[in-house]
């Protein structure tokens, strides 16, 4: 009886060395029977195991981010944001085991395209270098990411910066000046974020770009006035659109957008006007029905915001 049991085990259980030692539990977690230092289950040949299947051993990392037709910013599986790129003794195929995590890799030589960034480098410091500042050989790891950029243009891409982060700037985010080197790349600068709207304060987030905040200086209730047709400085309403802060025919605060004079309805009071419009005196005439501002109205041209004579209706004295 014992002999038959031993023979059964030998025939059907297989050799001990063929037994699998790990199982895939999904992306971003430590696979079954793996450890924090070696978290990824792979096959005997080092390929990633997926779909909950069993594998041969646990790997330190795999090349999970490349190739993807883009640069690599997120870390490979098994790596972290300090050491993002899984590397081996030679360039790795996709989803194949590596032996170490590197800070970055010289993935594209700047002789081919100076406005790209190397794998593992963040957009504000796109070039992978060694400790001494030299570039590693192509497809070899480096130890640091820098921005080797020069301010060459106001609105176009500066040399040394990637397309989505085209501005070479100083540490405080300002422009260095034409043909002056900067220290990092950014999505914007304070100058490019100026929307010429006095109702907003404008800000530049170097990673996400420009944004504006209503500064409260154009609240129409406080600034409403029956301003004159020859006034070049418009009292503007707050909000996303450049609308004029005026008073209607009954003396109530009223925001109206820049509209052409053609086709306006004459009026003497708000009751004469269609729904969504109010009666006000403008340069188009005394008593015109004007639409109220909302997010669908086209904004005023920059010429108005810069203090030049407006081309649309403006308030006139009564």
C-alpha atoms as a PDB file:
ATOM      1  CA  UNK A   1       0.000   0.000   0.000  1.00  0.00           C
ATOM      2  CA  UNK A   2       2.788   2.414   0.896  1.00  0.00           C
ATOM      3  CA  UNK A   3       4.666   1.534  -2.308  1.00  0.00           C
ATOM      4  CA  UNK A   4       1.663   2.328  -4.504  1.00  0.00           C
ATOM      5  CA  UNK A   5       1.166   5.642  -2.725  1.00  0.00           C
ATOM      6  CA  UNK A   6       4.781   6.624  -3.303  1.00  0.00           C
ATOM      7  CA  UNK A   7       4.565   5.624  -6.971  1.00  0.00           C
ATOM      8  CA  UNK A   8       1.350   7.649  -7.426  1.00  0.00           C
ATOM      9  CA  UNK A   9       2.997  10.719  -5.947  1.00  0.00           C
ATOM     10  CA  UNK A  10       6.028  10.332  -8.190  1.00  0.00           C
ATOM     11  CA  UNK A  11       4.007   9.922 -11.377  1.00  0.00           C
ATOM     12  CA  UNK A  12       1.429  12.646 -10.877  1.00  0.00           C
ATOM     13  CA  UNK A  13       2.928  15.251  -8.578  1.00  0.00           C
ATOM     14  CA  UNK A  14       6.011  15.903 -10.724  1.00  0.00           C
ATOM     15  CA  UNK A  15       9.442  16.984  -9.535  1.00  0.00           C
ATOM     16  CA  UNK A  16       9.637  19.455  -6.672  1.00  0.00           C
ATOM     17  CA  UNK A  17      11.540  22.051  -8.732  1.00  0.00           C
ATOM     18  CA  UNK A  18       8.674  22.389 -11.246  1.00  0.00           C
ATOM     19  CA  UNK A  19       6.181  23.607  -8.662  1.00  0.00           C
ATOM     20  CA  UNK A  20       5.149  27.252  -9.036  1.00  0.00           C
ATOM     21  CA  UNK A  21       6.208  29.646  -6.287  1.00  0.00           C
ATOM     22  CA  UNK A  22       3.932  32.687  -6.782  1.00  0.00           C
ATOM     23  CA  UNK A  23       0.563  33.842  -8.131  1.00  0.00           C
ATOM     24  CA  UNK A  24      -0.517  37.116  -9.749  1.00  0.00           C
ATOM     25  CA  UNK A  25      -2.870  39.192  -7.571  1.00  0.00           C
ATOM     26  CA  UNK A  26      -3.226  42.186  -9.893  1.00  0.00           C
ATOM     27  CA  UNK A  27      -1.410  45.379 -10.744  1.00  0.00           C
ATOM     28  CA  UNK A  28      -0.031  47.579  -7.985  1.00  0.00           C
ATOM     29  CA  UNK A  29      -0.118  44.965  -5.205  1.00  0.00           C
ATOM     30  CA  UNK A  30       2.387  42.450  -3.890  1.00  0.00           C
ATOM     31  CA  UNK A  31       1.679  39.142  -5.587  1.00  0.00           C
ATOM     32  CA  UNK A  32       1.034  35.979  -3.605  1.00  0.00           C
ATOM     33  CA  UNK A  33       4.188  34.548  -1.988  1.00  0.00           C
ATOM     34  CA  UNK A  34       6.164  37.604  -3.080  1.00  0.00           C
ATOM     35  CA  UNK A  35       7.668  40.263  -0.800  1.00  0.00           C
ATOM     36  CA  UNK A  36       7.940  44.033  -0.660  1.00  0.00           C
ATOM     37  CA  UNK A  37      11.476  43.811  -2.069  1.00  0.00           C
ATOM     38  CA  UNK A  38      10.461  41.372  -4.828  1.00  0.00           C
ATOM     39  CA  UNK A  39       6.748  42.090  -5.374  1.00  0.00           C
ATOM     40  CA  UNK A  40       6.010  40.930  -8.942  1.00  0.00           C
ATOM     41  CA  UNK A  41       5.279  37.349  -9.993  1.00  0.00           C
ATOM     42  CA  UNK A  42       6.973  36.373 -13.274  1.00  0.00           C
ATOM     43  CA  UNK A  43       7.504  33.274 -15.395  1.00  0.00           C
ATOM     44  CA  UNK A  44      10.704  31.249 -15.525  1.00  0.00           C
ATOM     45  CA  UNK A  45      11.852  33.492 -18.411  1.00  0.00           C
ATOM     46  CA  UNK A  46      11.061  36.701 -16.509  1.00  0.00           C
ATOM     47  CA  UNK A  47       7.795  37.666 -18.239  1.00  0.00           C
ATOM     48  CA  UNK A  48       4.993  39.172 -16.159  1.00  0.00           C
ATOM     49  CA  UNK A  49       2.266  36.810 -14.963  1.00  0.00           C
ATOM     50  CA  UNK A  50      -1.286  38.176 -15.311  1.00  0.00           C
ATOM     51  CA  UNK A  51      -4.886  37.077 -14.873  1.00  0.00           C
ATOM     52  CA  UNK A  52      -4.380  35.414 -11.495  1.00  0.00           C
ATOM     53  CA  UNK A  53      -2.124  32.742 -12.980  1.00  0.00           C
ATOM     54  CA  UNK A  54       0.818  31.106 -11.286  1.00  0.00           C
ATOM     55  CA  UNK A  55       4.423  32.037 -11.968  1.00  0.00           C
ATOM     56  CA  UNK A  56       7.920  30.740 -11.358  1.00  0.00           C
ATOM     57  CA  UNK A  57       9.498  33.342  -9.085  1.00  0.00           C
ATOM     58  CA  UNK A  58       9.186  36.896  -7.765  1.00  0.00           C
ATOM     59  CA  UNK A  59      10.960  39.799  -9.462  1.00  0.00           C
ATOM     60  CA  UNK A  60      12.206  43.113  -8.124  1.00  0.00           C
ATOM     61  CA  UNK A  61      10.478  45.005 -10.973  1.00  0.00           C
ATOM     62  CA  UNK A  62       9.155  44.730 -14.515  1.00  0.00           C
ATOM     63  CA  UNK A  63       9.207  47.151 -17.439  1.00  0.00           C
ATOM     64  CA  UNK A  64       5.477  47.923 -17.258  1.00  0.00           C
ATOM     65  CA  UNK A  65       5.451  51.477 -18.680  1.00  0.00           C
ATOM     66  CA  UNK A  66       7.338  51.133 -21.954  1.00  0.00           C
ATOM     67  CA  UNK A  67       7.012  51.019 -24.875  1.00  0.00           C
ATOM     68  CA  UNK A  68       3.916  53.247 -24.925  1.00  0.00           C
ATOM     69  CA  UNK A  69       4.713  55.773 -27.714  1.00  0.00           C
ATOM     70  CA  UNK A  70       5.172  58.452 -25.033  1.00  0.00           C
ATOM     71  CA  UNK A  71       7.722  59.345 -22.397  1.00  0.00           C
ATOM     72  CA  UNK A  72       7.618  57.677 -19.004  1.00  0.00           C
ATOM     73  CA  UNK A  73       6.724  59.643 -15.893  1.00  0.00           C
ATOM     74  CA  UNK A  74       4.904  57.025 -13.801  1.00  0.00           C
ATOM     75  CA  UNK A  75       7.045  54.347 -12.144  1.00  0.00           C
ATOM     76  CA  UNK A  76       7.344  50.804 -13.444  1.00  0.00           C
ATOM     77  CA  UNK A  77       5.707  48.099 -11.367  1.00  0.00           C
ATOM     78  CA  UNK A  78       7.979  47.330  -8.429  1.00  0.00           C
ATOM     79  CA  UNK A  79       9.635  50.780  -8.588  1.00  0.00           C
ATOM     80  CA  UNK A  80       8.669  54.077  -6.916  1.00  0.00           C
ATOM     81  CA  UNK A  81       8.690  57.796  -7.716  1.00  0.00           C
ATOM     82  CA  UNK A  82      12.290  58.218  -6.544  1.00  0.00           C
ATOM     83  CA  UNK A  83      13.540  55.406  -8.786  1.00  0.00           C
ATOM     84  CA  UNK A  84      10.945  55.080 -11.543  1.00  0.00           C
ATOM     85  CA  UNK A  85      12.491  52.984 -14.310  1.00  0.00           C
ATOM     86  CA  UNK A  86      13.020  49.216 -14.199  1.00  0.00           C
ATOM     87  CA  UNK A  87      16.328  48.372 -15.887  1.00  0.00           C
ATOM     88  CA  UNK A  88      18.465  45.329 -16.626  1.00  0.00           C
ATOM     89  CA  UNK A  89      21.827  44.548 -18.140  1.00  0.00           C
ATOM     90  CA  UNK A  90      20.313  45.418 -21.538  1.00  0.00           C
ATOM     91  CA  UNK A  91      17.158  47.257 -22.713  1.00  0.00           C
ATOM     92  CA  UNK A  92      14.048  45.423 -21.545  1.00  0.00           C
ATOM     93  CA  UNK A  93      11.097  44.349 -23.633  1.00  0.00           C
ATOM     94  CA  UNK A  94       7.638  45.306 -22.383  1.00  0.00           C
ATOM     95  CA  UNK A  95       6.520  43.652 -19.127  1.00  0.00           C
ATOM     96  CA  UNK A  96       9.801  41.813 -18.620  1.00  0.00           C
ATOM     97  CA  UNK A  97      11.744  41.401 -15.390  1.00  0.00           C
ATOM     98  CA  UNK A  98      14.532  43.843 -14.536  1.00  0.00           C
ATOM     99  CA  UNK A  99      17.255  43.761 -11.924  1.00  0.00           C
ATOM    100  CA  UNK A 100      17.118  47.306 -10.511  1.00  0.00           C
ATOM    101  CA  UNK A 101      15.105  50.522 -10.401  1.00  0.00           C
ATOM    102  CA  UNK A 102      16.874  53.596 -11.770  1.00  0.00           C
ATOM    103  CA  UNK A 103      16.125  57.293 -11.381  1.00  0.00           C
ATOM    104  CA  UNK A 104      15.946  57.746 -15.146  1.00  0.00           C
ATOM    105  CA  UNK A 105      17.118  56.440 -18.508  1.00  0.00           C
ATOM    106  CA  UNK A 106      18.549  58.352 -21.459  1.00  0.00           C
ATOM    107  CA  UNK A 107      15.752  57.275 -23.781  1.00  0.00           C
ATOM    108  CA  UNK A 108      15.971  59.906 -26.540  1.00  0.00           C
ATOM    109  CA  UNK A 109      19.199  61.750 -27.400  1.00  0.00           C
ATOM    110  CA  UNK A 110      18.723  65.517 -27.592  1.00  0.00           C
ATOM    111  CA  UNK A 111      20.480  65.490 -30.964  1.00  0.00           C
ATOM    112  CA  UNK A 112      17.261  63.945 -32.333  1.00  0.00           C
ATOM    113  CA  UNK A 113      14.750  66.120 -30.489  1.00  0.00           C
ATOM    114  CA  UNK A 114      15.734  68.714 -27.895  1.00  0.00           C
ATOM    115  CA  UNK A 115      12.113  69.156 -26.818  1.00  0.00           C
ATOM    116  CA  UNK A 116      11.411  65.709 -25.384  1.00  0.00           C
ATOM    117  CA  UNK A 117      12.152  64.280 -21.973  1.00  0.00           C
ATOM    118  CA  UNK A 118      13.835  61.087 -20.912  1.00  0.00           C
ATOM    119  CA  UNK A 119      12.064  58.141 -19.289  1.00  0.00           C
ATOM    120  CA  UNK A 120      11.719  58.588 -15.549  1.00  0.00           C
ATOM    121  CA  UNK A 121      12.229  62.353 -15.583  1.00  0.00           C
ATOM    122  CA  UNK A 122       9.469  64.773 -14.549  1.00  0.00           C
ATOM    123  CA  UNK A 123       8.356  67.442 -17.036  1.00  0.00           C
ATOM    124  CA  UNK A 124      10.070  70.293 -15.196  1.00  0.00           C
ATOM    125  CA  UNK A 125      13.448  68.505 -15.350  1.00  0.00           C
ATOM    126  CA  UNK A 126      13.352  66.432 -18.544  1.00  0.00           C
ATOM    127  CA  UNK A 127      16.998  65.448 -19.138  1.00  0.00           C
ATOM    128  CA  UNK A 128      18.574  62.336 -17.579  1.00  0.00           C
ATOM    129  CA  UNK A 129      22.212  62.821 -16.524  1.00  0.00           C
ATOM    130  CA  UNK A 130      24.926  61.233 -14.413  1.00  0.00           C
ATOM    131  CA  UNK A 131      26.233  62.665 -11.147  1.00  0.00           C
ATOM    132  CA  UNK A 132      28.851  64.682 -13.040  1.00  0.00           C
ATOM    133  CA  UNK A 133      26.223  66.207 -15.362  1.00  0.00           C
ATOM    134  CA  UNK A 134      27.138  64.129 -18.401  1.00  0.00           C
ATOM    135  CA  UNK A 135      24.476  62.212 -20.314  1.00  0.00           C
ATOM    136  CA  UNK A 136      24.479  58.411 -20.040  1.00  0.00           C
ATOM    137  CA  UNK A 137      24.824  56.362 -23.180  1.00  0.00           C
ATOM    138  CA  UNK A 138      21.570  55.825 -25.058  1.00  0.00           C
ATOM    139  CA  UNK A 139      19.184  53.497 -23.145  1.00  0.00           C
ATOM    140  CA  UNK A 140      21.478  53.548 -20.112  1.00  0.00           C
ATOM    141  CA  UNK A 141      20.364  54.705 -16.645  1.00  0.00           C
ATOM    142  CA  UNK A 142      21.341  57.987 -15.035  1.00  0.00           C
ATOM    143  CA  UNK A 143      21.221  59.324 -11.499  1.00  0.00           C
ATOM    144  CA  UNK A 144      19.571  62.726 -11.811  1.00  0.00           C
ATOM    145  CA  UNK A 145      17.087  64.736 -13.882  1.00  0.00           C
ATOM    146  CA  UNK A 146      17.785  68.338 -14.856  1.00  0.00           C
ATOM    147  CA  UNK A 147      16.434  71.048 -17.149  1.00  0.00           C
ATOM    148  CA  UNK A 148      19.072  72.066 -19.671  1.00  0.00           C
ATOM    149  CA  UNK A 149      16.948  74.808 -21.207  1.00  0.00           C
ATOM    150  CA  UNK A 150      17.177  78.345 -22.576  1.00  0.00           C
ATOM    151  CA  UNK A 151      14.480  81.013 -22.822  1.00  0.00           C
ATOM    152  CA  UNK A 152      14.227  81.403 -26.592  1.00  0.00           C
ATOM    153  CA  UNK A 153      10.603  82.412 -27.138  1.00  0.00           C
ATOM    154  CA  UNK A 154       7.662  84.090 -25.417  1.00  0.00           C
ATOM    155  CA  UNK A 155       4.829  81.905 -26.717  1.00  0.00           C
ATOM    156  CA  UNK A 156       6.618  79.092 -28.586  1.00  0.00           C
ATOM    157  CA  UNK A 157       8.625  76.203 -27.101  1.00  0.00           C
ATOM    158  CA  UNK A 158      11.880  77.110 -25.438  1.00  0.00           C
ATOM    159  CA  UNK A 159      14.889  74.987 -26.351  1.00  0.00           C
ATOM    160  CA  UNK A 160      15.315  72.065 -23.954  1.00  0.00           C
ATOM    161  CA  UNK A 161      11.702  71.903 -22.748  1.00  0.00           C
ATOM    162  CA  UNK A 162       9.045  69.328 -23.738  1.00  0.00           C
ATOM    163  CA  UNK A 163       5.979  70.256 -25.753  1.00  0.00           C
ATOM    164  CA  UNK A 164       3.466  70.214 -22.904  1.00  0.00           C
ATOM    165  CA  UNK A 165       5.822  72.199 -20.643  1.00  0.00           C
ATOM    166  CA  UNK A 166       7.295  74.624 -23.161  1.00  0.00           C
ATOM    167  CA  UNK A 167       8.544  77.473 -20.958  1.00  0.00           C
ATOM    168  CA  UNK A 168      12.081  77.610 -19.566  1.00  0.00           C
ATOM    169  CA  UNK A 169      11.856  79.458 -16.249  1.00  0.00           C
ATOM    170  CA  UNK A 170      13.803  80.368 -13.136  1.00  0.00           C
ATOM    171  CA  UNK A 171      13.279  78.741  -9.743  1.00  0.00           C
ATOM    172  CA  UNK A 172      10.479  81.201  -8.893  1.00  0.00           C
ATOM    173  CA  UNK A 173       8.673  80.452 -12.182  1.00  0.00           C
ATOM    174  CA  UNK A 174       9.492  83.733 -13.943  1.00  0.00           C
ATOM    175  CA  UNK A 175      11.067  84.169 -17.374  1.00  0.00           C
ATOM    176  CA  UNK A 176      14.882  84.361 -17.337  1.00  0.00           C
ATOM    177  CA  UNK A 177      14.937  86.710 -20.314  1.00  0.00           C
ATOM    178  CA  UNK A 178      15.655  86.082 -23.963  1.00  0.00           C
ATOM    179  CA  UNK A 179      18.565  83.690 -24.594  1.00  0.00           C
ATOM    180  CA  UNK A 180      19.146  83.268 -20.841  1.00  0.00           C
ATOM    181  CA  UNK A 181      19.254  79.735 -19.347  1.00  0.00           C
ATOM    182  CA  UNK A 182      16.615  78.659 -16.844  1.00  0.00           C
ATOM    183  CA  UNK A 183      16.547  75.948 -14.201  1.00  0.00           C
ATOM    184  CA  UNK A 184      13.292  74.120 -14.972  1.00  0.00           C
ATOM    185  CA  UNK A 185      10.501  73.761 -17.532  1.00  0.00           C
ATOM    186  CA  UNK A 186       6.908  74.820 -16.874  1.00  0.00           C
ATOM    187  CA  UNK A 187       3.474  74.681 -18.476  1.00  0.00           C
ATOM    188  CA  UNK A 188       3.151  78.461 -18.181  1.00  0.00           C
ATOM    189  CA  UNK A 189       4.640  81.673 -16.827  1.00  0.00           C
ATOM    190  CA  UNK A 190       2.972  84.594 -15.020  1.00  0.00           C
ATOM    191  CA  UNK A 191       3.150  86.612 -18.250  1.00  0.00           C
ATOM    192  CA  UNK A 192       1.426  83.977 -20.374  1.00  0.00           C
ATOM    193  CA  UNK A 193      -1.338  83.613 -17.749  1.00  0.00           C
ATOM    194  CA  UNK A 194      -2.348  87.276 -17.770  1.00  0.00           C
ATOM    195  CA  UNK A 195      -5.878  87.340 -19.229  1.00  0.00           C
ATOM    196  CA  UNK A 196      -6.078  91.170 -19.104  1.00  0.00           C
ATOM    197  CA  UNK A 197      -9.232  90.899 -17.011  1.00  0.00           C
ATOM    198  CA  UNK A 198      -9.112  93.294 -14.039  1.00  0.00           C
ATOM    199  CA  UNK A 199     -11.843  91.264 -12.343  1.00  0.00           C
ATOM    200  CA  UNK A 200      -9.556  88.266 -11.800  1.00  0.00           C
ATOM    201  CA  UNK A 201      -6.214  87.459 -10.235  1.00  0.00           C
ATOM    202  CA  UNK A 202      -4.221  85.191 -12.520  1.00  0.00           C
ATOM    203  CA  UNK A 203      -1.929  82.374 -11.419  1.00  0.00           C
ATOM    204  CA  UNK A 204       0.420  79.895 -13.045  1.00  0.00           C
ATOM    205  CA  UNK A 205       0.694  76.331 -11.809  1.00  0.00           C
ATOM    206  CA  UNK A 206       3.935  75.130 -13.448  1.00  0.00           C
ATOM    207  CA  UNK A 207       2.556  71.600 -13.903  1.00  0.00           C
ATOM    208  CA  UNK A 208      -1.160  72.145 -14.641  1.00  0.00           C
ATOM    209  CA  UNK A 209      -1.128  75.574 -16.303  1.00  0.00           C
ATOM    210  CA  UNK A 210      -2.983  78.860 -15.884  1.00  0.00           C
ATOM    211  CA  UNK A 211      -6.000  79.556 -13.717  1.00  0.00           C
ATOM    212  CA  UNK A 212      -7.833  82.679 -12.547  1.00  0.00           C
ATOM    213  CA  UNK A 213      -9.750  83.601  -9.402  1.00  0.00           C
ATOM    214  CA  UNK A 214     -12.409  86.291  -9.145  1.00  0.00           C
ATOM    215  CA  UNK A 215     -10.803  89.020  -7.038  1.00  0.00           C
ATOM    216  CA  UNK A 216     -14.090  90.641  -6.002  1.00  0.00           C
ATOM    217  CA  UNK A 217     -13.171  94.046  -7.425  1.00  0.00           C
ATOM    218  CA  UNK A 218     -15.855  93.973 -10.110  1.00  0.00           C
ATOM    219  CA  UNK A 219     -18.993  93.201  -8.125  1.00  0.00           C
ATOM    220  CA  UNK A 220     -21.653  95.018 -10.090  1.00  0.00           C
ATOM    221  CA  UNK A 221     -23.792  95.948  -7.087  1.00  0.00           C
ATOM    222  CA  UNK A 222     -20.897  97.995  -5.735  1.00  0.00           C
ATOM    223  CA  UNK A 223     -19.573  99.360  -9.043  1.00  0.00           C
ATOM    224  CA  UNK A 224     -22.820  99.988 -10.907  1.00  0.00           C
ATOM    225  CA  UNK A 225     -22.989 103.477 -12.395  1.00  0.00           C
ATOM    226  CA  UNK A 226     -24.591 105.248 -15.295  1.00  0.00           C
ATOM    227  CA  UNK A 227     -21.261 105.731 -17.011  1.00  0.00           C
ATOM    228  CA  UNK A 228     -20.781 108.016 -19.986  1.00  0.00           C
ATOM    229  CA  UNK A 229     -20.285 107.151 -23.645  1.00  0.00           C
ATOM    230  CA  UNK A 230     -16.903 108.882 -23.814  1.00  0.00           C
ATOM    231  CA  UNK A 231     -15.546 106.998 -20.788  1.00  0.00           C
ATOM    232  CA  UNK A 232     -12.711 104.780 -22.000  1.00  0.00           C
ATOM    233  CA  UNK A 233     -12.389 102.755 -18.797  1.00  0.00           C
ATOM    234  CA  UNK A 234     -15.287 100.345 -18.528  1.00  0.00           C
ATOM    235  CA  UNK A 235     -16.698  99.338 -15.128  1.00  0.00           C
ATOM    236  CA  UNK A 236     -16.611  95.559 -15.546  1.00  0.00           C
ATOM    237  CA  UNK A 237     -18.683  92.844 -13.908  1.00  0.00           C
ATOM    238  CA  UNK A 238     -17.097  89.858 -12.228  1.00  0.00           C
ATOM    239  CA  UNK A 239     -17.396  86.390 -13.712  1.00  0.00           C
ATOM    240  CA  UNK A 240     -15.924  84.457 -16.589  1.00  0.00           C
ATOM    241  CA  UNK A 241     -16.974  86.962 -19.250  1.00  0.00           C
ATOM    242  CA  UNK A 242     -16.010  90.598 -19.711  1.00  0.00           C
ATOM    243  CA  UNK A 243     -19.344  92.271 -19.165  1.00  0.00           C
ATOM    244  CA  UNK A 244     -20.083  95.932 -18.511  1.00  0.00           C
ATOM    245  CA  UNK A 245     -21.449  96.951 -15.118  1.00  0.00           C
ATOM    246  CA  UNK A 246     -24.168  99.514 -15.782  1.00  0.00           C
ATOM    247  CA  UNK A 247     -27.578 100.526 -14.439  1.00  0.00           C
ATOM    248  CA  UNK A 248     -30.803  99.849 -16.278  1.00  0.00           C
ATOM    249  CA  UNK A 249     -33.545 102.386 -17.020  1.00  0.00           C
ATOM    250  CA  UNK A 250     -34.924 101.876 -13.505  1.00  0.00           C
ATOM    251  CA  UNK A 251     -31.577 102.465 -11.784  1.00  0.00           C
ATOM    252  CA  UNK A 252     -30.868  98.826 -10.847  1.00  0.00           C
ATOM    253  CA  UNK A 253     -27.399  97.239 -11.340  1.00  0.00           C
ATOM    254  CA  UNK A 254     -27.206  95.522 -14.726  1.00  0.00           C
ATOM    255  CA  UNK A 255     -24.448  93.544 -16.485  1.00  0.00           C
ATOM    256  CA  UNK A 256     -24.576  93.494 -20.262  1.00  0.00           C
ATOM    257  CA  UNK A 257     -22.130  92.044 -22.801  1.00  0.00           C
ATOM    258  CA  UNK A 258     -20.499  93.654 -25.783  1.00  0.00           C
ATOM    259  CA  UNK A 259     -23.114  93.459 -28.544  1.00  0.00           C
ATOM    260  CA  UNK A 260     -23.503  95.151 -31.908  1.00  0.00           C
ATOM    261  CA  UNK A 261     -25.948  98.007 -32.247  1.00  0.00           C
ATOM    262  CA  UNK A 262     -27.910  96.394 -35.068  1.00  0.00           C
ATOM    263  CA  UNK A 263     -31.294  94.877 -34.283  1.00  0.00           C
ATOM    264  CA  UNK A 264     -31.683  96.219 -30.738  1.00  0.00           C
ATOM    265  CA  UNK A 265     -35.208  96.932 -29.499  1.00  0.00           C
ATOM    266  CA  UNK A 266     -35.977 100.506 -28.410  1.00  0.00           C
ATOM    267  CA  UNK A 267     -37.356 100.865 -24.909  1.00  0.00           C
ATOM    268  CA  UNK A 268     -38.207 103.289 -22.138  1.00  0.00           C
ATOM    269  CA  UNK A 269     -38.464 100.721 -19.313  1.00  0.00           C
ATOM    270  CA  UNK A 270     -37.689  97.077 -18.640  1.00  0.00           C
ATOM    271  CA  UNK A 271     -41.293  96.133 -19.349  1.00  0.00           C
ATOM    272  CA  UNK A 272     -40.726  97.060 -23.006  1.00  0.00           C
ATOM    273  CA  UNK A 273     -37.955  94.457 -23.370  1.00  0.00           C
ATOM    274  CA  UNK A 274     -38.096  90.756 -24.275  1.00  0.00           C
ATOM    275  CA  UNK A 275     -37.386  88.147 -21.617  1.00  0.00           C
ATOM    276  CA  UNK A 276     -33.708  87.988 -20.643  1.00  0.00           C
ATOM    277  CA  UNK A 277     -33.035  91.626 -21.593  1.00  0.00           C
ATOM    278  CA  UNK A 278     -33.245  94.952 -19.804  1.00  0.00           C
ATOM    279  CA  UNK A 279     -33.523  98.561 -20.881  1.00  0.00           C
ATOM    280  CA  UNK A 280     -30.397 100.749 -20.688  1.00  0.00           C
ATOM    281  CA  UNK A 281     -28.955 103.767 -22.468  1.00  0.00           C
ATOM    282  CA  UNK A 282     -25.818 103.107 -24.514  1.00  0.00           C
ATOM    283  CA  UNK A 283     -23.800 104.645 -27.321  1.00  0.00           C
ATOM    284  CA  UNK A 284     -26.266 102.886 -29.617  1.00  0.00           C
ATOM    285  CA  UNK A 285     -28.988 105.201 -28.369  1.00  0.00           C
ATOM    286  CA  UNK A 286     -31.057 106.258 -25.393  1.00  0.00           C
ATOM    287  CA  UNK A 287     -33.072 103.223 -24.355  1.00  0.00           C
ATOM    288  CA  UNK A 288     -32.037  99.896 -25.882  1.00  0.00           C
ATOM    289  CA  UNK A 289     -32.947  96.364 -24.792  1.00  0.00           C
ATOM    290  CA  UNK A 290     -29.674  94.579 -23.973  1.00  0.00           C
ATOM    291  CA  UNK A 291     -29.137  90.946 -22.972  1.00  0.00           C
ATOM    292  CA  UNK A 292     -27.932  90.167 -19.483  1.00  0.00           C
ATOM    293  CA  UNK A 293     -24.519  88.545 -19.162  1.00  0.00           C
ATOM    294  CA  UNK A 294     -24.202  84.811 -18.727  1.00  0.00           C
ATOM    295  CA  UNK A 295     -21.577  82.185 -19.555  1.00  0.00           C
ATOM    296  CA  UNK A 296     -22.815  81.829 -23.141  1.00  0.00           C
ATOM    297  CA  UNK A 297     -22.122  85.461 -24.093  1.00  0.00           C
ATOM    298  CA  UNK A 298     -19.016  86.255 -26.113  1.00  0.00           C
ATOM    299  CA  UNK A 299     -16.447  88.268 -24.178  1.00  0.00           C
ATOM    300  CA  UNK A 300     -15.383  91.828 -24.835  1.00  0.00           C
ATOM    301  CA  UNK A 301     -12.329  92.301 -27.074  1.00  0.00           C
ATOM    302  CA  UNK A 302      -8.951  93.015 -25.492  1.00  0.00           C
ATOM    303  CA  UNK A 303      -8.963  96.524 -26.975  1.00  0.00           C
ATOM    304  CA  UNK A 304     -11.730  97.458 -24.546  1.00  0.00           C
ATOM    305  CA  UNK A 305      -9.901  95.959 -21.603  1.00  0.00           C
ATOM    306  CA  UNK A 306      -6.778  97.943 -22.437  1.00  0.00           C
ATOM    307  CA  UNK A 307      -8.627 101.257 -22.177  1.00  0.00           C
ATOM    308  CA  UNK A 308      -9.235 101.885 -25.875  1.00  0.00           C
ATOM    309  CA  UNK A 309     -12.551 103.147 -27.182  1.00  0.00           C
ATOM    310  CA  UNK A 310     -15.059 100.268 -27.227  1.00  0.00           C
ATOM    311  CA  UNK A 311     -16.590  99.195 -30.528  1.00  0.00           C
ATOM    312  CA  UNK A 312     -19.922  97.997 -29.139  1.00  0.00           C
ATOM    313  CA  UNK A 313     -22.608  99.823 -27.174  1.00  0.00           C
ATOM    314  CA  UNK A 314     -21.488 101.845 -24.191  1.00  0.00           C
ATOM    315  CA  UNK A 315     -23.496 103.853 -21.728  1.00  0.00           C
ATOM    316  CA  UNK A 316     -24.361 107.427 -22.570  1.00  0.00           C
ATOM    317  CA  UNK A 317     -25.477 110.297 -20.429  1.00  0.00           C
ATOM    318  CA  UNK A 318     -29.205 110.738 -20.037  1.00  0.00           C
END
